[in-house]
N, C-alpha and C. Protein backbone atom coordinates (compact mmCIF):
# COMPACT_ATOMS: atom_id res chain seq x y z
N MET A 1 -49.70 -82.46 -8.99
CA MET A 1 -49.05 -82.35 -7.70
C MET A 1 -49.49 -83.49 -6.78
N LYS A 2 -50.76 -83.87 -6.88
CA LYS A 2 -51.28 -84.94 -6.03
C LYS A 2 -50.55 -86.25 -6.33
N ALA A 3 -50.29 -86.52 -7.61
CA ALA A 3 -49.59 -87.76 -7.99
C ALA A 3 -48.16 -87.76 -7.46
N THR A 4 -47.51 -86.61 -7.46
CA THR A 4 -46.14 -86.52 -6.97
C THR A 4 -46.07 -86.80 -5.47
N VAL A 5 -47.00 -86.24 -4.72
CA VAL A 5 -47.03 -86.47 -3.27
C VAL A 5 -47.35 -87.94 -2.99
N PHE A 6 -48.28 -88.52 -3.75
CA PHE A 6 -48.63 -89.93 -3.58
C PHE A 6 -47.42 -90.83 -3.89
N ALA A 7 -46.69 -90.52 -4.97
CA ALA A 7 -45.51 -91.30 -5.34
C ALA A 7 -44.43 -91.20 -4.26
N LEU A 8 -44.24 -90.01 -3.72
CA LEU A 8 -43.25 -89.82 -2.66
C LEU A 8 -43.64 -90.61 -1.41
N PHE A 9 -44.91 -90.55 -1.03
CA PHE A 9 -45.39 -91.27 0.14
C PHE A 9 -45.26 -92.79 -0.06
N THR A 10 -45.61 -93.26 -1.24
CA THR A 10 -45.51 -94.69 -1.54
C THR A 10 -44.05 -95.15 -1.48
N GLY A 11 -43.16 -94.38 -2.07
CA GLY A 11 -41.73 -94.72 -2.03
C GLY A 11 -41.19 -94.73 -0.61
N LEU A 12 -41.63 -93.77 0.19
CA LEU A 12 -41.21 -93.72 1.59
C LEU A 12 -41.70 -94.95 2.34
N LEU A 13 -42.93 -95.32 2.11
CA LEU A 13 -43.50 -96.50 2.76
C LEU A 13 -42.77 -97.78 2.35
N VAL A 14 -42.49 -97.94 1.07
CA VAL A 14 -41.76 -99.11 0.58
C VAL A 14 -40.35 -99.15 1.17
N GLY A 15 -39.69 -97.99 1.24
CA GLY A 15 -38.36 -97.93 1.84
C GLY A 15 -38.37 -98.34 3.30
N LEU A 16 -39.38 -97.90 4.03
CA LEU A 16 -39.51 -98.29 5.44
C LEU A 16 -39.73 -99.80 5.59
N ILE A 17 -40.62 -100.34 4.78
CA ILE A 17 -40.92 -101.78 4.85
C ILE A 17 -39.68 -102.61 4.51
N PHE A 18 -38.98 -102.25 3.43
CA PHE A 18 -37.80 -103.00 3.04
C PHE A 18 -36.71 -102.90 4.10
N SER A 19 -36.53 -101.72 4.68
CA SER A 19 -35.53 -101.56 5.73
C SER A 19 -35.91 -102.35 6.97
N PHE A 20 -37.18 -102.36 7.33
CA PHE A 20 -37.65 -103.13 8.49
C PHE A 20 -37.40 -104.62 8.30
N LEU A 21 -37.61 -105.10 7.09
CA LEU A 21 -37.39 -106.51 6.78
C LEU A 21 -35.93 -106.84 6.48
N LYS A 22 -35.06 -105.82 6.54
CA LYS A 22 -33.63 -105.95 6.28
C LYS A 22 -33.35 -106.50 4.88
N LEU A 23 -34.09 -106.00 3.92
CA LEU A 23 -33.91 -106.36 2.52
C LEU A 23 -33.19 -105.21 1.82
N PRO A 24 -32.49 -105.50 0.73
CA PRO A 24 -31.86 -104.41 -0.03
C PRO A 24 -32.94 -103.54 -0.69
N LEU A 25 -32.70 -102.25 -0.73
CA LEU A 25 -33.68 -101.34 -1.31
C LEU A 25 -33.85 -101.62 -2.80
N PRO A 26 -35.09 -101.62 -3.30
CA PRO A 26 -35.34 -101.92 -4.72
C PRO A 26 -35.16 -100.68 -5.59
N ALA A 27 -33.99 -100.07 -5.50
CA ALA A 27 -33.73 -98.85 -6.27
C ALA A 27 -32.28 -98.87 -6.74
N PRO A 28 -32.03 -98.29 -7.90
CA PRO A 28 -30.64 -98.22 -8.38
C PRO A 28 -29.84 -97.22 -7.55
N ASN A 29 -28.53 -97.26 -7.72
CA ASN A 29 -27.70 -96.22 -7.10
C ASN A 29 -28.19 -94.86 -7.55
N VAL A 30 -27.88 -93.84 -6.80
CA VAL A 30 -28.46 -92.51 -7.04
C VAL A 30 -28.14 -91.98 -8.43
N LEU A 31 -26.88 -91.93 -8.80
CA LEU A 31 -26.52 -91.32 -10.09
C LEU A 31 -27.05 -92.12 -11.29
N PRO A 32 -26.89 -93.44 -11.32
CA PRO A 32 -27.48 -94.17 -12.46
C PRO A 32 -29.00 -94.06 -12.51
N GLY A 33 -29.64 -94.00 -11.35
CA GLY A 33 -31.10 -93.85 -11.33
C GLY A 33 -31.54 -92.52 -11.91
N ILE A 34 -30.85 -91.46 -11.51
CA ILE A 34 -31.18 -90.12 -12.02
C ILE A 34 -30.87 -90.05 -13.52
N ALA A 35 -29.75 -90.64 -13.93
CA ALA A 35 -29.40 -90.64 -15.36
C ALA A 35 -30.45 -91.39 -16.17
N GLY A 36 -30.97 -92.48 -15.63
CA GLY A 36 -32.02 -93.22 -16.33
C GLY A 36 -33.29 -92.41 -16.47
N ILE A 37 -33.69 -91.72 -15.42
CA ILE A 37 -34.89 -90.89 -15.48
C ILE A 37 -34.72 -89.76 -16.48
N VAL A 38 -33.56 -89.11 -16.46
CA VAL A 38 -33.30 -88.02 -17.40
C VAL A 38 -33.30 -88.57 -18.83
N GLY A 39 -32.71 -89.75 -19.03
CA GLY A 39 -32.69 -90.36 -20.36
C GLY A 39 -34.09 -90.67 -20.87
N ILE A 40 -34.95 -91.17 -19.99
CA ILE A 40 -36.34 -91.45 -20.39
C ILE A 40 -37.04 -90.16 -20.79
N TYR A 41 -36.85 -89.12 -20.01
CA TYR A 41 -37.48 -87.83 -20.32
C TYR A 41 -36.97 -87.28 -21.65
N LEU A 42 -35.65 -87.30 -21.83
CA LEU A 42 -35.09 -86.76 -23.07
C LEU A 42 -35.51 -87.59 -24.28
N GLY A 43 -35.61 -88.90 -24.12
CA GLY A 43 -36.08 -89.74 -25.21
C GLY A 43 -37.51 -89.40 -25.61
N GLY A 44 -38.35 -89.15 -24.62
CA GLY A 44 -39.73 -88.75 -24.91
C GLY A 44 -39.80 -87.41 -25.61
N GLN A 45 -38.98 -86.48 -25.17
CA GLN A 45 -38.95 -85.16 -25.80
C GLN A 45 -38.43 -85.25 -27.24
N LEU A 46 -37.42 -86.08 -27.45
CA LEU A 46 -36.86 -86.26 -28.79
C LEU A 46 -37.90 -86.88 -29.72
N PHE A 47 -38.66 -87.84 -29.23
CA PHE A 47 -39.72 -88.45 -30.02
C PHE A 47 -40.76 -87.41 -30.43
N MET A 48 -41.17 -86.57 -29.48
CA MET A 48 -42.15 -85.53 -29.78
C MET A 48 -41.60 -84.57 -30.84
N TYR A 49 -40.32 -84.22 -30.73
CA TYR A 49 -39.68 -83.30 -31.68
C TYR A 49 -39.63 -83.93 -33.08
N ILE A 50 -39.24 -85.20 -33.15
CA ILE A 50 -39.12 -85.88 -34.44
C ILE A 50 -40.50 -86.02 -35.10
N THR A 51 -41.51 -86.42 -34.34
CA THR A 51 -42.84 -86.55 -34.93
C THR A 51 -43.39 -85.21 -35.38
N LYS A 52 -43.09 -84.17 -34.64
CA LYS A 52 -43.51 -82.82 -35.05
C LYS A 52 -42.79 -82.38 -36.32
N LEU A 53 -41.50 -82.71 -36.39
CA LEU A 53 -40.70 -82.34 -37.55
C LEU A 53 -41.14 -83.10 -38.80
N LEU A 54 -41.45 -84.38 -38.65
CA LEU A 54 -41.89 -85.19 -39.80
C LEU A 54 -43.34 -84.92 -40.18
N GLY A 55 -44.10 -84.41 -39.26
CA GLY A 55 -45.51 -84.16 -39.52
C GLY A 55 -45.77 -82.91 -40.33
N ARG A 56 -44.76 -82.09 -40.54
CA ARG A 56 -44.95 -80.83 -41.28
C ARG A 56 -45.07 -81.07 -42.72
């Protein structure tokens, strides 16, 4: 939980700094960003499943 709060605070701070400097935000559009995160998670889960399946 501590890492999640720290990540949220860091992202908020970076967003404020980039907006203050009138720079584009260093983040993908919302839907592609969420799809990428979900894809990374599912890929990790699939890897764990495959290694467990082959390890038997």
